[in-house]
PDB file of N, CA and C in Angstrom:
ATOM      1  N   MET A   1      30.705 -23.065  12.907  1.00  0.00           N
ATOM      2  CA  MET A   1      29.491 -22.373  13.012  1.00  0.00           C
ATOM      3  C   MET A   1      28.795 -22.047  11.622  1.00  0.00           C
ATOM      4  N   ILE A   2      27.583 -22.284  11.537  1.00  0.00           N
ATOM      5  CA  ILE A   2      26.798 -22.085  10.348  1.00  0.00           C
ATOM      6  C   ILE A   2      26.168 -20.656  10.508  1.00  0.00           C
ATOM      7  N   ASP A   3      26.388 -19.791   9.476  1.00  0.00           N
ATOM      8  CA  ASP A   3      25.825 -18.453   9.534  1.00  0.00           C
ATOM      9  C   ASP A   3      24.254 -18.497   9.036  1.00  0.00           C
ATOM     10  N   THR A   4      23.401 -17.558   9.236  1.00  0.00           N
ATOM     11  CA  THR A   4      22.090 -17.431   8.910  1.00  0.00           C
ATOM     12  C   THR A   4      21.928 -17.382   7.440  1.00  0.00           C
ATOM     13  N   ARG A   5      22.718 -16.811   6.643  1.00  0.00           N
ATOM     14  CA  ARG A   5      22.680 -16.762   5.192  1.00  0.00           C
ATOM     15  C   ARG A   5      22.775 -18.178   4.669  1.00  0.00           C
ATOM     16  N   THR A   6      23.741 -19.148   5.100  1.00  0.00           N
ATOM     17  CA  THR A   6      23.845 -20.285   4.725  1.00  0.00           C
ATOM     18  C   THR A   6      22.549 -21.260   5.025  1.00  0.00           C
ATOM     19  N   VAL A   7      22.115 -20.987   6.279  1.00  0.00           N
ATOM     20  CA  VAL A   7      20.778 -21.833   6.540  1.00  0.00           C
ATOM     21  C   VAL A   7      19.675 -21.467   5.778  1.00  0.00           C
ATOM     22  N   HIS A   8      19.553 -20.047   5.518  1.00  0.00           N
ATOM     23  CA  HIS A   8      18.425 -19.453   4.570  1.00  0.00           C
ATOM     24  C   HIS A   8      18.600 -20.110   3.155  1.00  0.00           C
ATOM     25  N   GLU A   9      19.735 -20.073   2.572  1.00  0.00           N
ATOM     26  CA  GLU A   9      20.007 -20.743   1.180  1.00  0.00           C
ATOM     27  C   GLU A   9      19.463 -22.193   1.206  1.00  0.00           C
ATOM     28  N   GLU A  10      20.002 -22.972   2.265  1.00  0.00           N
ATOM     29  CA  GLU A  10      19.621 -24.287   2.233  1.00  0.00           C
ATOM     30  C   GLU A  10      18.195 -24.562   2.369  1.00  0.00           C
ATOM     31  N   MET A  11      17.507 -23.785   3.306  1.00  0.00           N
ATOM     32  CA  MET A  11      16.082 -23.842   3.499  1.00  0.00           C
ATOM     33  C   MET A  11      15.347 -23.540   2.101  1.00  0.00           C
ATOM     34  N   MET A  12      15.880 -22.398   1.480  1.00  0.00           N
ATOM     35  CA  MET A  12      15.184 -21.921   0.011  1.00  0.00           C
ATOM     36  C   MET A  12      15.174 -23.249  -0.846  1.00  0.00           C
ATOM     37  N   ARG A  13      16.398 -23.862  -0.864  1.00  0.00           N
ATOM     38  CA  ARG A  13      16.778 -24.954  -1.856  1.00  0.00           C
ATOM     39  C   ARG A  13      15.892 -26.185  -1.425  1.00  0.00           C
ATOM     40  N   ASP A  14      15.858 -26.530  -0.140  1.00  0.00           N
ATOM     41  CA  ASP A  14      15.459 -27.818   0.412  1.00  0.00           C
ATOM     42  C   ASP A  14      13.993 -27.860   0.871  1.00  0.00           C
ATOM     43  N   ASP A  15      13.418 -26.652   1.110  1.00  0.00           N
ATOM     44  CA  ASP A  15      11.998 -26.833   1.891  1.00  0.00           C
ATOM     45  C   ASP A  15      11.082 -25.946   1.008  1.00  0.00           C
ATOM     46  N   PRO A  16      10.282 -26.602   0.226  1.00  0.00           N
ATOM     47  CA  PRO A  16       9.246 -26.012  -0.591  1.00  0.00           C
ATOM     48  C   PRO A  16       8.471 -24.893   0.221  1.00  0.00           C
ATOM     49  N   GLU A  17       7.832 -25.378   1.348  1.00  0.00           N
ATOM     50  CA  GLU A  17       7.046 -24.681   2.267  1.00  0.00           C
ATOM     51  C   GLU A  17       7.756 -23.289   2.638  1.00  0.00           C
ATOM     52  N   TYR A  18       8.909 -23.508   3.081  1.00  0.00           N
ATOM     53  CA  TYR A  18       9.778 -22.310   3.502  1.00  0.00           C
ATOM     54  C   TYR A  18       9.871 -21.304   2.304  1.00  0.00           C
ATOM     55  N   ARG A  19      10.339 -21.916   1.167  1.00  0.00           N
ATOM     56  CA  ARG A  19      10.444 -20.991   0.115  1.00  0.00           C
ATOM     57  C   ARG A  19       9.366 -20.296  -0.362  1.00  0.00           C
ATOM     58  N   ARG A  20       7.987 -20.994  -0.342  1.00  0.00           N
ATOM     59  CA  ARG A  20       6.829 -20.392  -0.688  1.00  0.00           C
ATOM     60  C   ARG A  20       6.467 -19.224   0.405  1.00  0.00           C
ATOM     61  N   GLU A  21       6.653 -19.397   1.616  1.00  0.00           N
ATOM     62  CA  GLU A  21       6.385 -18.460   2.492  1.00  0.00           C
ATOM     63  C   GLU A  21       7.355 -17.160   2.564  1.00  0.00           C
ATOM     64  N   TYR A  22       8.530 -17.411   2.252  1.00  0.00           N
ATOM     65  CA  TYR A  22       9.532 -16.406   2.071  1.00  0.00           C
ATOM     66  C   TYR A  22       9.207 -15.593   0.868  1.00  0.00           C
ATOM     67  N   GLU A  23       8.994 -16.209  -0.351  1.00  0.00           N
ATOM     68  CA  GLU A  23       8.545 -15.597  -1.413  1.00  0.00           C
ATOM     69  C   GLU A  23       7.161 -14.568  -1.259  1.00  0.00           C
ATOM     70  N   ALA A  24       6.324 -15.060  -0.484  1.00  0.00           N
ATOM     71  CA  ALA A  24       5.184 -14.405  -0.179  1.00  0.00           C
ATOM     72  C   ALA A  24       5.338 -12.993   0.604  1.00  0.00           C
ATOM     73  N   LEU A  25       6.555 -12.864   1.161  1.00  0.00           N
ATOM     74  CA  LEU A  25       7.037 -11.688   1.806  1.00  0.00           C
ATOM     75  C   LEU A  25       7.558 -10.639   0.905  1.00  0.00           C
ATOM     76  N   GLU A  26       7.807 -11.014  -0.278  1.00  0.00           N
ATOM     77  CA  GLU A  26       8.426 -10.063  -1.218  1.00  0.00           C
ATOM     78  C   GLU A  26       7.841  -8.765  -1.297  1.00  0.00           C
ATOM     79  N   PRO A  27       6.524  -8.495  -1.271  1.00  0.00           N
ATOM     80  CA  PRO A  27       5.925  -7.262  -1.262  1.00  0.00           C
ATOM     81  C   PRO A  27       6.421  -6.349  -0.276  1.00  0.00           C
ATOM     82  N   GLU A  28       6.486  -7.031   0.911  1.00  0.00           N
ATOM     83  CA  GLU A  28       7.049  -6.139   2.199  1.00  0.00           C
ATOM     84  C   GLU A  28       8.465  -5.919   2.049  1.00  0.00           C
ATOM     85  N   PHE A  29       9.168  -6.940   1.742  1.00  0.00           N
ATOM     86  CA  PHE A  29      10.670  -6.552   1.505  1.00  0.00           C
ATOM     87  C   PHE A  29      10.866  -5.448   0.480  1.00  0.00           C
ATOM     88  N   SER A  30      10.134  -5.497  -0.603  1.00  0.00           N
ATOM     89  CA  SER A  30      10.219  -4.325  -1.638  1.00  0.00           C
ATOM     90  C   SER A  30       9.818  -2.981  -1.139  1.00  0.00           C
ATOM     91  N   ILE A  31       8.846  -2.924  -0.169  1.00  0.00           N
ATOM     92  CA  ILE A  31       8.334  -1.633   0.338  1.00  0.00           C
ATOM     93  C   ILE A  31       9.525  -1.160   1.198  1.00  0.00           C
ATOM     94  N   ALA A  32       9.842  -2.190   2.271  1.00  0.00           N
ATOM     95  CA  ALA A  32      10.978  -1.831   3.124  1.00  0.00           C
ATOM     96  C   ALA A  32      12.171  -1.307   2.444  1.00  0.00           C
ATOM     97  N   SER A  33      12.733  -1.984   1.429  1.00  0.00           N
ATOM     98  CA  SER A  33      13.815  -1.531   0.590  1.00  0.00           C
ATOM     99  C   SER A  33      13.745  -0.176  -0.052  1.00  0.00           C
ATOM    100  N   ALA A  34      12.509   0.093  -0.552  1.00  0.00           N
ATOM    101  CA  ALA A  34      12.322   1.376  -1.154  1.00  0.00           C
ATOM    102  C   ALA A  34      12.232   2.502  -0.180  1.00  0.00           C
ATOM    103  N   LEU A  35      11.719   2.154   0.948  1.00  0.00           N
ATOM    104  CA  LEU A  35      11.690   3.337   2.041  1.00  0.00           C
ATOM    105  C   LEU A  35      13.054   3.629   2.436  1.00  0.00           C
ATOM    106  N   ILE A  36      13.951   2.703   2.947  1.00  0.00           N
ATOM    107  CA  ILE A  36      15.227   2.766   3.380  1.00  0.00           C
ATOM    108  C   ILE A  36      16.041   3.426   2.144  1.00  0.00           C
ATOM    109  N   LYS A  37      16.022   2.997   1.071  1.00  0.00           N
ATOM    110  CA  LYS A  37      16.786   3.613  -0.066  1.00  0.00           C
ATOM    111  C   LYS A  37      16.397   5.214  -0.209  1.00  0.00           C
ATOM    112  N   ALA A  38      15.097   5.437  -0.165  1.00  0.00           N
ATOM    113  CA  ALA A  38      14.796   6.845  -0.132  1.00  0.00           C
ATOM    114  C   ALA A  38      15.389   7.710   0.915  1.00  0.00           C
ATOM    115  N   ARG A  39      15.179   7.232   2.167  1.00  0.00           N
ATOM    116  CA  ARG A  39      15.701   7.867   3.277  1.00  0.00           C
ATOM    117  C   ARG A  39      17.282   8.025   3.259  1.00  0.00           C
ATOM    118  N   SER A  40      17.920   6.976   2.729  1.00  0.00           N
ATOM    119  CA  SER A  40      19.443   7.084   2.569  1.00  0.00           C
ATOM    120  C   SER A  40      19.754   8.171   1.416  1.00  0.00           C
ATOM    121  N   ALA A  41      18.957   8.138   0.459  1.00  0.00           N
ATOM    122  CA  ALA A  41      19.293   9.118  -0.667  1.00  0.00           C
ATOM    123  C   ALA A  41      19.108  10.635  -0.184  1.00  0.00           C
ATOM    124  N   ALA A  42      18.119  10.782   0.644  1.00  0.00           N
ATOM    125  CA  ALA A  42      17.864  11.998   1.346  1.00  0.00           C
ATOM    126  C   ALA A  42      19.023  12.450   2.504  1.00  0.00           C
ATOM    127  N   GLY A  43      19.812  11.508   2.813  1.00  0.00           N
ATOM    128  CA  GLY A  43      20.792  11.758   3.797  1.00  0.00           C
ATOM    129  C   GLY A  43      20.300  11.911   5.194  1.00  0.00           C
ATOM    130  N   MET A  44      19.260  11.164   5.347  1.00  0.00           N
ATOM    131  CA  MET A  44      18.730  11.145   6.640  1.00  0.00           C
ATOM    132  C   MET A  44      18.736   9.855   7.541  1.00  0.00           C
ATOM    133  N   THR A  45      18.766  10.041   8.845  1.00  0.00           N
ATOM    134  CA  THR A  45      18.688   8.791   9.636  1.00  0.00           C
ATOM    135  C   THR A  45      17.077   8.622   9.974  1.00  0.00           C
ATOM    136  N   GLN A  46      16.842   7.407  10.646  1.00  0.00           N
ATOM    137  CA  GLN A  46      15.465   7.274  11.128  1.00  0.00           C
ATOM    138  C   GLN A  46      15.111   8.292  12.095  1.00  0.00           C
ATOM    139  N   LYS A  47      16.112   8.727  12.896  1.00  0.00           N
ATOM    140  CA  LYS A  47      15.764   9.794  13.913  1.00  0.00           C
ATOM    141  C   LYS A  47      15.422  11.054  13.331  1.00  0.00           C
ATOM    142  N   ASP A  48      16.103  11.242  12.121  1.00  0.00           N
ATOM    143  CA  ASP A  48      15.811  12.682  11.334  1.00  0.00           C
ATOM    144  C   ASP A  48      14.341  12.483  10.866  1.00  0.00           C
ATOM    145  N   VAL A  49      14.011  11.421  10.217  1.00  0.00           N
ATOM    146  CA  VAL A  49      12.701  11.287   9.828  1.00  0.00           C
ATOM    147  C   VAL A  49      11.671  11.413  10.782  1.00  0.00           C
ATOM    148  N   ALA A  50      11.840  10.714  12.002  1.00  0.00           N
ATOM    149  CA  ALA A  50      11.075  10.861  13.054  1.00  0.00           C
ATOM    150  C   ALA A  50      10.793  12.192  13.504  1.00  0.00           C
ATOM    151  N   ALA A  51      11.849  13.122  13.439  1.00  0.00           N
ATOM    152  CA  ALA A  51      11.686  14.462  14.020  1.00  0.00           C
ATOM    153  C   ALA A  51      10.743  15.225  12.998  1.00  0.00           C
ATOM    154  N   VAL A  52      10.926  14.919  11.605  1.00  0.00           N
ATOM    155  CA  VAL A  52      10.042  15.598  10.638  1.00  0.00           C
ATOM    156  C   VAL A  52       8.625  15.188  10.694  1.00  0.00           C
ATOM    157  N   LEU A  53       8.343  13.925  11.104  1.00  0.00           N
ATOM    158  CA  LEU A  53       6.980  13.263  11.182  1.00  0.00           C
ATOM    159  C   LEU A  53       6.448  13.509  12.563  1.00  0.00           C
ATOM    160  N   GLY A  54       7.208  13.939  13.553  1.00  0.00           N
ATOM    161  CA  GLY A  54       6.580  14.137  14.809  1.00  0.00           C
ATOM    162  C   GLY A  54       6.438  12.847  15.625  1.00  0.00           C
ATOM    163  N   VAL A  55       7.240  11.746  15.264  1.00  0.00           N
ATOM    164  CA  VAL A  55       7.003  10.400  15.899  1.00  0.00           C
ATOM    165  C   VAL A  55       8.258  10.030  16.347  1.00  0.00           C
ATOM    166  N   SER A  56       8.362   8.782  16.979  1.00  0.00           N
ATOM    167  CA  SER A  56       9.354   8.256  17.558  1.00  0.00           C
ATOM    168  C   SER A  56      10.363   7.476  16.577  1.00  0.00           C
ATOM    169  N   GLN A  57      11.499   7.404  16.673  1.00  0.00           N
ATOM    170  CA  GLN A  57      12.302   6.616  15.875  1.00  0.00           C
ATOM    171  C   GLN A  57      11.866   5.211  15.791  1.00  0.00           C
ATOM    172  N   SER A  58      11.290   4.593  16.867  1.00  0.00           N
ATOM    173  CA  SER A  58      10.853   3.230  16.572  1.00  0.00           C
ATOM    174  C   SER A  58       9.558   3.222  15.744  1.00  0.00           C
ATOM    175  N   ALA A  59       8.833   4.240  15.599  1.00  0.00           N
ATOM    176  CA  ALA A  59       7.591   4.409  14.754  1.00  0.00           C
ATOM    177  C   ALA A  59       8.123   4.383  13.272  1.00  0.00           C
ATOM    178  N   VAL A  60       9.280   5.042  13.007  1.00  0.00           N
ATOM    179  CA  VAL A  60       9.717   5.151  11.647  1.00  0.00           C
ATOM    180  C   VAL A  60      10.320   3.813  11.357  1.00  0.00           C
ATOM    181  N   ALA A  61      11.059   3.068  12.379  1.00  0.00           N
ATOM    182  CA  ALA A  61      11.551   1.668  11.945  1.00  0.00           C
ATOM    183  C   ALA A  61      10.309   0.753  11.686  1.00  0.00           C
ATOM    184  N   GLN A  62       9.194   0.933  12.242  1.00  0.00           N
ATOM    185  CA  GLN A  62       8.032   0.083  11.982  1.00  0.00           C
ATOM    186  C   GLN A  62       7.537   0.444  10.667  1.00  0.00           C
ATOM    187  N   ILE A  63       7.438   1.615  10.234  1.00  0.00           N
ATOM    188  CA  ILE A  63       7.071   1.954   8.900  1.00  0.00           C
ATOM    189  C   ILE A  63       8.038   1.250   7.974  1.00  0.00           C
ATOM    190  N   GLU A  64       9.356   1.460   8.164  1.00  0.00           N
ATOM    191  CA  GLU A  64      10.435   0.804   7.289  1.00  0.00           C
ATOM    192  C   GLU A  64      10.297  -0.638   7.224  1.00  0.00           C
ATOM    193  N   SER A  65       9.698  -1.214   8.212  1.00  0.00           N
ATOM    194  CA  SER A  65       9.573  -2.785   8.089  1.00  0.00           C
ATOM    195  C   SER A  65       8.784  -3.201   6.975  1.00  0.00           C
ATOM    196  N   GLY A  66       7.832  -2.265   6.264  1.00  0.00           N
ATOM    197  CA  GLY A  66       7.051  -2.616   5.300  1.00  0.00           C
ATOM    198  C   GLY A  66       5.884  -3.447   5.582  1.00  0.00           C
ATOM    199  N   ARG A  67       5.552  -3.605   6.938  1.00  0.00           N
ATOM    200  CA  ARG A  67       4.282  -4.538   7.189  1.00  0.00           C
ATOM    201  C   ARG A  67       3.238  -3.481   7.678  1.00  0.00           C
ATOM    202  N   ASN A  68       2.041  -3.869   7.053  1.00  0.00           N
ATOM    203  CA  ASN A  68       0.877  -3.071   7.388  1.00  0.00           C
ATOM    204  C   ASN A  68       1.149  -1.503   7.371  1.00  0.00           C
ATOM    205  N   VAL A  69       1.735  -0.973   6.328  1.00  0.00           N
ATOM    206  CA  VAL A  69       1.837   0.403   6.180  1.00  0.00           C
ATOM    207  C   VAL A  69       0.749   0.976   5.402  1.00  0.00           C
ATOM    208  N   SER A  70       0.041   2.007   5.973  1.00  0.00           N
ATOM    209  CA  SER A  70      -1.117   2.667   5.272  1.00  0.00           C
ATOM    210  C   SER A  70      -0.569   3.517   4.346  1.00  0.00           C
ATOM    211  N   MET A  71      -1.428   3.911   3.334  1.00  0.00           N
ATOM    212  CA  MET A  71      -1.132   4.793   2.175  1.00  0.00           C
ATOM    213  C   MET A  71      -0.799   6.228   2.812  1.00  0.00           C
ATOM    214  N   LYS A  72      -1.561   6.517   3.716  1.00  0.00           N
ATOM    215  CA  LYS A  72      -1.249   7.900   4.498  1.00  0.00           C
ATOM    216  C   LYS A  72       0.071   7.906   5.068  1.00  0.00           C
ATOM    217  N   SER A  73       0.425   6.927   5.712  1.00  0.00           N
ATOM    218  CA  SER A  73       1.832   6.684   6.306  1.00  0.00           C
ATOM    219  C   SER A  73       2.968   6.842   5.281  1.00  0.00           C
ATOM    220  N   LEU A  74       2.652   6.097   4.178  1.00  0.00           N
ATOM    221  CA  LEU A  74       3.569   6.140   3.036  1.00  0.00           C
ATOM    222  C   LEU A  74       3.783   7.381   2.347  1.00  0.00           C
ATOM    223  N   HIS A  75       2.702   8.134   2.260  1.00  0.00           N
ATOM    224  CA  HIS A  75       2.784   9.624   1.552  1.00  0.00           C
ATOM    225  C   HIS A  75       3.537  10.452   2.587  1.00  0.00           C
ATOM    226  N   ARG A  76       3.197  10.386   3.922  1.00  0.00           N
ATOM    227  CA  ARG A  76       3.865  11.244   4.800  1.00  0.00           C
ATOM    228  C   ARG A  76       5.301  11.018   4.958  1.00  0.00           C
ATOM    229  N   TYR A  77       5.676   9.608   4.937  1.00  0.00           N
ATOM    230  CA  TYR A  77       7.136   9.258   4.921  1.00  0.00           C
ATOM    231  C   TYR A  77       7.872   9.774   3.674  1.00  0.00           C
ATOM    232  N   ALA A  78       7.167   9.610   2.542  1.00  0.00           N
ATOM    233  CA  ALA A  78       7.705  10.018   1.383  1.00  0.00           C
ATOM    234  C   ALA A  78       8.047  11.631   1.302  1.00  0.00           C
ATOM    235  N   LYS A  79       7.064  12.350   1.751  1.00  0.00           N
ATOM    236  CA  LYS A  79       7.328  13.720   1.795  1.00  0.00           C
ATOM    237  C   LYS A  79       8.452  14.090   2.642  1.00  0.00           C
ATOM    238  N   ALA A  80       8.525  13.449   3.902  1.00  0.00           N
ATOM    239  CA  ALA A  80       9.510  13.761   4.836  1.00  0.00           C
ATOM    240  C   ALA A  80      10.943  13.514   4.151  1.00  0.00           C
ATOM    241  N   VAL A  81      11.052  12.479   3.357  1.00  0.00           N
ATOM    242  CA  VAL A  81      12.425  12.261   2.678  1.00  0.00           C
ATOM    243  C   VAL A  81      12.318  12.864   1.387  1.00  0.00           C
ATOM    244  N   LYS A  82      11.570  13.756   0.995  1.00  0.00           N
ATOM    245  CA  LYS A  82      11.653  14.503  -0.295  1.00  0.00           C
ATOM    246  C   LYS A  82      11.275  13.572  -1.402  1.00  0.00           C
ATOM    247  N   HIS A  83      10.483  12.725  -1.359  1.00  0.00           N
ATOM    248  CA  HIS A  83      10.105  11.699  -2.439  1.00  0.00           C
ATOM    249  C   HIS A  83       8.623  11.751  -2.575  1.00  0.00           C
ATOM    250  N   SER A  84       8.152  11.051  -3.617  1.00  0.00           N
ATOM    251  CA  SER A  84       6.674  10.748  -3.889  1.00  0.00           C
ATOM    252  C   SER A  84       6.445   9.279  -3.928  1.00  0.00           C
ATOM    253  N   VAL A  85       5.150   9.061  -3.845  1.00  0.00           N
ATOM    254  CA  VAL A  85       4.780   7.536  -3.857  1.00  0.00           C
ATOM    255  C   VAL A  85       4.299   7.351  -5.303  1.00  0.00           C
ATOM    256  N   LYS A  86       4.646   6.311  -5.888  1.00  0.00           N
ATOM    257  CA  LYS A  86       4.042   5.757  -7.204  1.00  0.00           C
ATOM    258  C   LYS A  86       3.711   4.331  -6.915  1.00  0.00           C
ATOM    259  N   ILE A  87       2.628   3.889  -7.296  1.00  0.00           N
ATOM    260  CA  ILE A  87       2.295   2.382  -7.223  1.00  0.00           C
ATOM    261  C   ILE A  87       2.012   1.864  -8.636  1.00  0.00           C
ATOM    262  N   ASP A  88       2.528   0.626  -9.005  1.00  0.00           N
ATOM    263  CA  ASP A  88       2.263   0.080 -10.165  1.00  0.00           C
ATOM    264  C   ASP A  88       1.722  -1.232  -9.931  1.00  0.00           C
ATOM    265  N   LEU A  89       0.636  -1.487 -10.713  1.00  0.00           N
ATOM    266  CA  LEU A  89       0.160  -2.930 -10.769  1.00  0.00           C
ATOM    267  C   LEU A  89       0.664  -3.604 -12.006  1.00  0.00           C
ATOM    268  N   LEU A  90       1.287  -4.803 -11.679  1.00  0.00           N
ATOM    269  CA  LEU A  90       1.988  -5.557 -12.693  1.00  0.00           C
ATOM    270  C   LEU A  90       1.205  -6.769 -12.935  1.00  0.00           C
ATOM    271  N   PRO A  91       1.282  -7.295 -14.125  1.00  0.00           N
ATOM    272  CA  PRO A  91       0.507  -8.551 -14.445  1.00  0.00           C
ATOM    273  C   PRO A  91       1.264  -9.782 -13.708  1.00  0.00           C
ATOM    274  N   ALA A  92       0.448 -10.750 -13.276  1.00  0.00           N
ATOM    275  CA  ALA A  92       1.040 -11.659 -12.496  1.00  0.00           C
ATOM    276  C   ALA A  92       1.837 -12.612 -13.368  1.00  0.00           C
TER     277      ALA A  92
END
C-alpha cells in the first residue's frame, strides 16, 4: 500500500502542474501553520478558542484552514490566543 506522502512526493517530482498548484497554496499553509502554532503555544484547543470568540469549533477550524480569512478574523483569533498579528511584505 502506498501512503499519501509518497504519492505527494512523486507528484511534486514528476508533475510540474501539480507542483505549481501546490506551491501556490503556500500562503494559506503558512497562515494555517501560524494560527495553529499560536493556539498551541497558548495551551488552547479549538473548542477553547471557539468559546472565547463565541463561535463554533468548526468556525475555528475554518479560520485555521487559512483560506479566505479576513483581517478582522485574524485579529480576533490572535487576541483570543494572546497573540498579535504582524504582516510582512517580502520581495518576490
